Amino acid sequence: MARAKEDPEHIVCCGETNSDPRLPMALFTSHDGGLTWTRIRITSQTGCGNAIALDPKDSRCIYVGGRKEGKTAVFKTDDAGTSWKEITGPIMGVVAELALDPRTSQTVLAGTPNGLFRSKNGGTSWERRARFDVRVIKFDTVSPDRIWAGGEDGLFVSVDGGTRWTREPGLTIDEIICLEFDPNKRILFAGTDGGGLVAGTVGSESGPAGRKR
């Protein structure tokens, strides 16, 4: 689910709608804060979306990642869903997360069990930048060259916009299921599977493993 920055009442989401395997891949959008929804078909082929990213500067630009006919698929629209273009390229595995650089929607990150893929031209081409499992991605909105990514293999950080990645020091828990960042207090929160909630001040020696709650 994603919410338009310029209009909080505008929400978009994707996912399984029911158990009917014949339904085509689709997106759902609301312009009244979720009271009513409109279904927008992405492709006539069967499938579902797992991840979604909305351009914070132009809510007509939407990225959706999921499965089409049982295979990996990533789509993009620049006109709020009137037309769609498939931009999957070399991405492998179920797309668990999509994230946009807050400075430009041309830089897109896609997280899968097979690693992290990055596009710097709006999905026209992709490069594989990491091979660890990625379920969640979070940008430092103050310093967007700093990015965190996590999954079954633990928490990793990049300080150069996603080109190189290293394991976040001090955090030994492997299963990362969610991330949230407070840009004002400079605190990263990492939700884990069985290890509780881990929080730490970014830039401190303790890092995100500084406190467990």
C-alpha atoms as a PDB file:
ATOM      1  CA  MET A   1       0.000   0.000   0.000  1.00  0.00           C
ATOM      2  CA  ALA A   2       1.158   3.536  -0.748  1.00  0.00           C
ATOM      3  CA  ARG A   3      -0.282   6.990  -0.141  1.00  0.00           C
ATOM      4  CA  ALA A   4       0.171  10.033  -2.391  1.00  0.00           C
ATOM      5  CA  LYS A   5       2.277  12.701  -0.713  1.00  0.00           C
ATOM      6  CA  GLU A   6       0.366  15.591  -2.283  1.00  0.00           C
ATOM      7  CA  ASP A   7      -3.049  14.055  -1.510  1.00  0.00           C
ATOM      8  CA  PRO A   8      -3.329  11.867   1.626  1.00  0.00           C
ATOM      9  CA  GLU A   9      -6.804  10.739   0.519  1.00  0.00           C
ATOM     10  CA  HIS A  10      -5.249   9.046  -2.544  1.00  0.00           C
ATOM     11  CA  ILE A  11      -4.204   5.471  -1.680  1.00  0.00           C
ATOM     12  CA  VAL A  12      -3.068   2.661  -3.979  1.00  0.00           C
ATOM     13  CA  CYS A  13      -2.613  -0.991  -3.081  1.00  0.00           C
ATOM     14  CA  CYS A  14      -2.202  -4.413  -4.635  1.00  0.00           C
ATOM     15  CA  GLY A  15      -2.323  -8.046  -3.521  1.00  0.00           C
ATOM     16  CA  GLU A  16      -4.394 -11.201  -3.629  1.00  0.00           C
ATOM     17  CA  THR A  17      -8.090 -10.437  -4.010  1.00  0.00           C
ATOM     18  CA  ASN A  18      -9.454 -13.964  -3.729  1.00  0.00           C
ATOM     19  CA  SER A  19      -8.579 -17.511  -4.652  1.00  0.00           C
ATOM     20  CA  ASP A  20      -9.699 -17.276  -8.297  1.00  0.00           C
ATOM     21  CA  PRO A  21      -6.517 -17.952 -10.348  1.00  0.00           C
ATOM     22  CA  ARG A  22      -8.183 -16.609 -13.496  1.00  0.00           C
ATOM     23  CA  LEU A  23      -8.199 -12.976 -12.361  1.00  0.00           C
ATOM     24  CA  PRO A  24      -5.813 -10.659 -14.217  1.00  0.00           C
ATOM     25  CA  MET A  25      -3.125  -8.700 -12.390  1.00  0.00           C
ATOM     26  CA  ALA A  26      -4.626  -5.474 -11.024  1.00  0.00           C
ATOM     27  CA  LEU A  27      -4.147  -2.416  -8.853  1.00  0.00           C
ATOM     28  CA  PHE A  28      -6.696  -0.867  -6.478  1.00  0.00           C
ATOM     29  CA  THR A  29      -6.963   2.873  -5.955  1.00  0.00           C
ATOM     30  CA  SER A  30      -8.972   5.109  -3.635  1.00  0.00           C
ATOM     31  CA  HIS A  31      -9.409   8.873  -3.695  1.00  0.00           C
ATOM     32  CA  ASP A  32     -11.417   9.151  -0.480  1.00  0.00           C
ATOM     33  CA  GLY A  33      -9.068   7.695   2.107  1.00  0.00           C
ATOM     34  CA  GLY A  34     -10.129   4.104   1.529  1.00  0.00           C
ATOM     35  CA  LEU A  35     -13.916   4.439   1.738  1.00  0.00           C
ATOM     36  CA  THR A  36     -14.357   3.346  -1.878  1.00  0.00           C
ATOM     37  CA  TRP A  37     -12.005   1.566  -4.263  1.00  0.00           C
ATOM     38  CA  THR A  38     -11.576   1.228  -8.016  1.00  0.00           C
ATOM     39  CA  ARG A  39      -9.945  -1.792  -9.621  1.00  0.00           C
ATOM     40  CA  ILE A  40      -7.473  -0.960 -12.395  1.00  0.00           C
ATOM     41  CA  ARG A  41      -6.322  -3.813 -14.603  1.00  0.00           C
ATOM     42  CA  ILE A  42      -2.585  -3.916 -15.242  1.00  0.00           C
ATOM     43  CA  THR A  43      -2.552  -6.748 -17.774  1.00  0.00           C
ATOM     44  CA  SER A  44      -5.060  -9.189 -19.224  1.00  0.00           C
ATOM     45  CA  GLN A  45      -2.881 -12.069 -18.032  1.00  0.00           C
ATOM     46  CA  THR A  46      -3.546 -13.709 -14.680  1.00  0.00           C
ATOM     47  CA  GLY A  47      -1.471 -12.717 -11.680  1.00  0.00           C
ATOM     48  CA  CYS A  48      -1.252 -10.522  -8.597  1.00  0.00           C
ATOM     49  CA  GLY A  49       0.847  -7.707  -7.191  1.00  0.00           C
ATOM     50  CA  ASN A  50       3.079  -8.095  -4.145  1.00  0.00           C
ATOM     51  CA  ALA A  51       4.846  -4.730  -3.985  1.00  0.00           C
ATOM     52  CA  ILE A  52       3.994  -1.175  -4.945  1.00  0.00           C
ATOM     53  CA  ALA A  53       5.807   2.168  -5.076  1.00  0.00           C
ATOM     54  CA  LEU A  54       4.289   5.581  -5.740  1.00  0.00           C
ATOM     55  CA  ASP A  55       6.303   8.536  -7.010  1.00  0.00           C
ATOM     56  CA  PRO A  56       6.217  11.081  -4.133  1.00  0.00           C
ATOM     57  CA  LYS A  57       6.412  13.962  -6.627  1.00  0.00           C
ATOM     58  CA  ASP A  58       3.910  12.655  -9.186  1.00  0.00           C
ATOM     59  CA  SER A  59       1.298  10.147  -8.021  1.00  0.00           C
ATOM     60  CA  ARG A  60       0.462   9.284 -11.630  1.00  0.00           C
ATOM     61  CA  CYS A  61       3.740   7.341 -11.725  1.00  0.00           C
ATOM     62  CA  ILE A  62       3.280   3.932 -10.092  1.00  0.00           C
ATOM     63  CA  TYR A  63       5.452   0.814 -10.004  1.00  0.00           C
ATOM     64  CA  VAL A  64       3.954  -2.617  -9.236  1.00  0.00           C
ATOM     65  CA  GLY A  65       5.856  -5.865  -8.741  1.00  0.00           C
ATOM     66  CA  GLY A  66       4.348  -9.331  -8.543  1.00  0.00           C
ATOM     67  CA  ARG A  67       3.582 -12.412 -10.597  1.00  0.00           C
ATOM     68  CA  LYS A  68       2.159 -12.747 -14.099  1.00  0.00           C
ATOM     69  CA  GLU A  69       1.247 -16.233 -15.276  1.00  0.00           C
ATOM     70  CA  GLY A  70       3.346 -17.524 -12.366  1.00  0.00           C
ATOM     71  CA  LYS A  71       6.472 -15.607 -13.395  1.00  0.00           C
ATOM     72  CA  THR A  72       8.205 -12.508 -12.024  1.00  0.00           C
ATOM     73  CA  ALA A  73       6.703  -9.277 -13.340  1.00  0.00           C
ATOM     74  CA  VAL A  74       7.247  -5.557 -12.738  1.00  0.00           C
ATOM     75  CA  PHE A  75       5.025  -2.937 -14.379  1.00  0.00           C
ATOM     76  CA  LYS A  76       5.056   0.849 -14.529  1.00  0.00           C
ATOM     77  CA  THR A  77       2.453   3.467 -15.382  1.00  0.00           C
ATOM     78  CA  ASP A  78       3.019   7.196 -15.896  1.00  0.00           C
ATOM     79  CA  ASP A  79      -0.664   8.061 -16.305  1.00  0.00           C
ATOM     80  CA  ALA A  80      -2.293   6.673 -13.124  1.00  0.00           C
ATOM     81  CA  GLY A  81      -3.026   3.295 -14.666  1.00  0.00           C
ATOM     82  CA  THR A  82      -4.470   4.196 -18.065  1.00  0.00           C
ATOM     83  CA  SER A  83      -1.561   2.387 -19.718  1.00  0.00           C
ATOM     84  CA  TRP A  84       1.120   0.062 -18.379  1.00  0.00           C
ATOM     85  CA  LYS A  85       4.568  -1.030 -19.511  1.00  0.00           C
ATOM     86  CA  GLU A  86       6.301  -4.190 -18.338  1.00  0.00           C
ATOM     87  CA  ILE A  87       9.828  -3.408 -17.110  1.00  0.00           C
ATOM     88  CA  THR A  88      10.810  -6.730 -15.487  1.00  0.00           C
ATOM     89  CA  GLY A  89      14.112  -7.149 -17.306  1.00  0.00           C
ATOM     90  CA  PRO A  90      16.556  -9.481 -15.478  1.00  0.00           C
ATOM     91  CA  ILE A  91      14.749  -9.398 -12.110  1.00  0.00           C
ATOM     92  CA  MET A  92      14.426 -12.900 -10.664  1.00  0.00           C
ATOM     93  CA  GLY A  93      12.186 -14.208  -7.896  1.00  0.00           C
ATOM     94  CA  VAL A  94       9.049 -12.870  -6.240  1.00  0.00           C
ATOM     95  CA  VAL A  95       9.283  -9.086  -5.891  1.00  0.00           C
ATOM     96  CA  ALA A  96       8.761  -8.489  -2.169  1.00  0.00           C
ATOM     97  CA  GLU A  97       9.564  -4.774  -2.125  1.00  0.00           C
ATOM     98  CA  LEU A  98       9.866  -1.767  -4.417  1.00  0.00           C
ATOM     99  CA  ALA A  99      11.388   1.521  -3.258  1.00  0.00           C
ATOM    100  CA  LEU A 100      12.043   4.844  -4.981  1.00  0.00           C
ATOM    101  CA  ASP A 101      14.854   7.268  -4.274  1.00  0.00           C
ATOM    102  CA  PRO A 102      13.122  10.277  -2.634  1.00  0.00           C
ATOM    103  CA  ARG A 103      15.144  12.590  -4.904  1.00  0.00           C
ATOM    104  CA  THR A 104      14.083  11.001  -8.193  1.00  0.00           C
ATOM    105  CA  SER A 105      11.645   8.261  -9.162  1.00  0.00           C
ATOM    106  CA  GLN A 106      14.045   7.276 -11.931  1.00  0.00           C
ATOM    107  CA  THR A 107      16.066   5.356  -9.327  1.00  0.00           C
ATOM    108  CA  VAL A 108      14.112   2.234  -8.368  1.00  0.00           C
ATOM    109  CA  LEU A 109      15.125  -0.638  -6.082  1.00  0.00           C
ATOM    110  CA  ALA A 110      13.485  -4.055  -6.267  1.00  0.00           C
ATOM    111  CA  GLY A 111      13.965  -6.632  -3.524  1.00  0.00           C
ATOM    112  CA  THR A 112      13.575 -10.380  -4.123  1.00  0.00           C
ATOM    113  CA  PRO A 113      14.788 -13.639  -2.513  1.00  0.00           C
ATOM    114  CA  ASN A 114      17.496 -13.608  -5.201  1.00  0.00           C
ATOM    115  CA  GLY A 115      18.872 -10.217  -4.273  1.00  0.00           C
ATOM    116  CA  LEU A 116      18.484  -6.519  -4.858  1.00  0.00           C
ATOM    117  CA  PHE A 117      18.088  -5.002  -8.316  1.00  0.00           C
ATOM    118  CA  ARG A 118      18.512  -1.321  -9.155  1.00  0.00           C
ATOM    119  CA  SER A 119      17.397   0.809 -12.076  1.00  0.00           C
ATOM    120  CA  LYS A 120      18.589   4.382 -12.545  1.00  0.00           C
ATOM    121  CA  ASN A 121      16.427   5.108 -15.585  1.00  0.00           C
ATOM    122  CA  GLY A 122      12.897   4.359 -14.445  1.00  0.00           C
ATOM    123  CA  GLY A 123      13.037   0.626 -15.158  1.00  0.00           C
ATOM    124  CA  THR A 124      14.403   0.754 -18.702  1.00  0.00           C
ATOM    125  CA  SER A 125      17.400  -1.283 -17.548  1.00  0.00           C
ATOM    126  CA  TRP A 126      18.336  -3.053 -14.305  1.00  0.00           C
ATOM    127  CA  GLU A 127      21.497  -4.198 -12.561  1.00  0.00           C
ATOM    128  CA  ARG A 128      21.829  -6.712  -9.747  1.00  0.00           C
ATOM    129  CA  ARG A 129      23.577  -4.978  -6.832  1.00  0.00           C
ATOM    130  CA  ALA A 130      23.280  -7.632  -4.086  1.00  0.00           C
ATOM    131  CA  ARG A 131      22.620 -11.341  -3.693  1.00  0.00           C
ATOM    132  CA  PHE A 132      21.161 -11.531  -0.186  1.00  0.00           C
ATOM    133  CA  ASP A 133      17.437 -12.049   0.473  1.00  0.00           C
ATOM    134  CA  VAL A 134      15.557  -8.721   0.385  1.00  0.00           C
ATOM    135  CA  ARG A 135      12.061  -8.360   1.791  1.00  0.00           C
ATOM    136  CA  VAL A 136      12.174  -4.729   2.930  1.00  0.00           C
ATOM    137  CA  ILE A 137      13.997  -1.587   1.761  1.00  0.00           C
ATOM    138  CA  LYS A 138      14.188   1.765   3.511  1.00  0.00           C
ATOM    139  CA  PHE A 139      15.816   5.014   2.370  1.00  0.00           C
ATOM    140  CA  ASP A 140      17.302   7.555   4.754  1.00  0.00           C
ATOM    141  CA  THR A 141      15.117  10.462   3.659  1.00  0.00           C
ATOM    142  CA  VAL A 142      17.644  13.017   4.966  1.00  0.00           C
ATOM    143  CA  SER A 143      20.678  11.386   3.309  1.00  0.00           C
ATOM    144  CA  PRO A 144      19.172   9.197   0.542  1.00  0.00           C
ATOM    145  CA  ASP A 145      22.515   7.664  -0.429  1.00  0.00           C
ATOM    146  CA  ARG A 146      22.112   5.648   2.792  1.00  0.00           C
ATOM    147  CA  ILE A 147      19.737   2.726   2.253  1.00  0.00           C
ATOM    148  CA  TRP A 148      18.880  -0.288   4.389  1.00  0.00           C
ATOM    149  CA  ALA A 149      17.695  -3.634   3.052  1.00  0.00           C
ATOM    150  CA  GLY A 150      16.807  -6.766   4.978  1.00  0.00           C
ATOM    151  CA  GLY A 151      15.269 -10.197   4.882  1.00  0.00           C
ATOM    152  CA  GLU A 152      16.111 -13.740   5.900  1.00  0.00           C
ATOM    153  CA  ASP A 153      19.844 -13.022   5.643  1.00  0.00           C
ATOM    154  CA  GLY A 154      19.789 -10.088   8.067  1.00  0.00           C
ATOM    155  CA  LEU A 155      20.120  -6.314   7.784  1.00  0.00           C
ATOM    156  CA  PHE A 156      22.438  -4.659   5.269  1.00  0.00           C
ATOM    157  CA  VAL A 157      23.306  -1.017   4.592  1.00  0.00           C
ATOM    158  CA  SER A 158      24.570   0.938   1.600  1.00  0.00           C
ATOM    159  CA  VAL A 159      26.005   4.450   1.860  1.00  0.00           C
ATOM    160  CA  ASP A 160      26.527   5.012  -1.866  1.00  0.00           C
ATOM    161  CA  GLY A 161      23.009   4.796  -3.225  1.00  0.00           C
ATOM    162  CA  GLY A 162      22.842   1.009  -3.438  1.00  0.00           C
ATOM    163  CA  THR A 163      26.043   0.231  -5.319  1.00  0.00           C
ATOM    164  CA  ARG A 164      27.834  -1.557  -2.458  1.00  0.00           C
ATOM    165  CA  TRP A 165      26.310  -3.280   0.556  1.00  0.00           C
ATOM    166  CA  THR A 166      27.675  -4.421   3.921  1.00  0.00           C
ATOM    167  CA  ARG A 167      26.034  -6.154   6.860  1.00  0.00           C
ATOM    168  CA  GLU A 168      24.865  -3.659   9.474  1.00  0.00           C
ATOM    169  CA  PRO A 169      27.420  -4.112  12.317  1.00  0.00           C
ATOM    170  CA  GLY A 170      26.219  -5.463  15.635  1.00  0.00           C
ATOM    171  CA  LEU A 171      22.942  -6.964  14.440  1.00  0.00           C
ATOM    172  CA  THR A 172      23.220 -10.763  14.504  1.00  0.00           C
ATOM    173  CA  ILE A 173      19.503 -11.555  14.068  1.00  0.00           C
ATOM    174  CA  ASP A 174      18.892 -12.963  10.616  1.00  0.00           C
ATOM    175  CA  GLU A 175      15.185 -12.527   9.948  1.00  0.00           C
ATOM    176  CA  ILE A 176      14.211  -8.907   9.185  1.00  0.00           C
ATOM    177  CA  ILE A 177      10.518  -8.459   8.402  1.00  0.00           C
ATOM    178  CA  CYS A 178      10.004  -4.679   8.535  1.00  0.00           C
ATOM    179  CA  LEU A 179      11.942  -1.414   8.744  1.00  0.00           C
ATOM    180  CA  GLU A 180      10.967   2.118   9.758  1.00  0.00           C
ATOM    181  CA  PHE A 181      13.112   5.234  10.027  1.00  0.00           C
ATOM    182  CA  ASP A 182      12.552   8.395  12.078  1.00  0.00           C
ATOM    183  CA  PRO A 183      14.435  11.137  10.185  1.00  0.00           C
ATOM    184  CA  ASN A 184      14.059  13.668  12.996  1.00  0.00           C
ATOM    185  CA  LYS A 185      15.487  11.530  15.784  1.00  0.00           C
ATOM    186  CA  ARG A 186      17.718   9.594  13.350  1.00  0.00           C
ATOM    187  CA  ILE A 187      16.488   6.251  14.695  1.00  0.00           C
ATOM    188  CA  LEU A 188      16.127   3.091  12.612  1.00  0.00           C
ATOM    189  CA  PHE A 189      13.603   0.499  13.818  1.00  0.00           C
ATOM    190  CA  ALA A 190      13.967  -3.103  12.622  1.00  0.00           C
ATOM    191  CA  GLY A 191      11.236  -5.665  13.226  1.00  0.00           C
ATOM    192  CA  THR A 192      12.507  -9.238  13.384  1.00  0.00           C
ATOM    193  CA  ASP A 193      11.022 -12.722  13.354  1.00  0.00           C
ATOM    194  CA  GLY A 194      11.541 -13.949  16.913  1.00  0.00           C
ATOM    195  CA  GLY A 195      14.149 -11.363  17.907  1.00  0.00           C
ATOM    196  CA  GLY A 196      11.849  -8.537  18.900  1.00  0.00           C
ATOM    197  CA  LEU A 197      12.099  -4.920  17.810  1.00  0.00           C
ATOM    198  CA  VAL A 198      15.610  -3.544  17.438  1.00  0.00           C
ATOM    199  CA  ALA A 199      16.286   0.198  17.373  1.00  0.00           C
ATOM    200  CA  GLY A 200      19.399   2.311  17.150  1.00  0.00           C
ATOM    201  CA  THR A 201      20.510   5.826  16.357  1.00  0.00           C
ATOM    202  CA  VAL A 202      21.968   6.150  12.882  1.00  0.00           C
ATOM    203  CA  GLY A 203      25.544   7.404  13.028  1.00  0.00           C
ATOM    204  CA  SER A 204      26.129   6.136  16.562  1.00  0.00           C
ATOM    205  CA  GLU A 205      28.690   3.474  17.390  1.00  0.00           C
ATOM    206  CA  SER A 206      25.943   1.123  18.473  1.00  0.00           C
ATOM    207  CA  GLY A 207      24.155   1.409  15.120  1.00  0.00           C
ATOM    208  CA  PRO A 208      20.644  -0.006  14.662  1.00  0.00           C
ATOM    209  CA  ALA A 209      21.462  -2.791  17.136  1.00  0.00           C
ATOM    210  CA  GLY A 210      21.770  -0.270  19.944  1.00  0.00           C
ATOM    211  CA  ARG A 211      18.514  -1.053  21.773  1.00  0.00           C
ATOM    212  CA  LYS A 212      16.153  -3.992  21.846  1.00  0.00           C
ATOM    213  CA  ARG A 213      12.521  -3.518  22.790  1.00  0.00           C
END
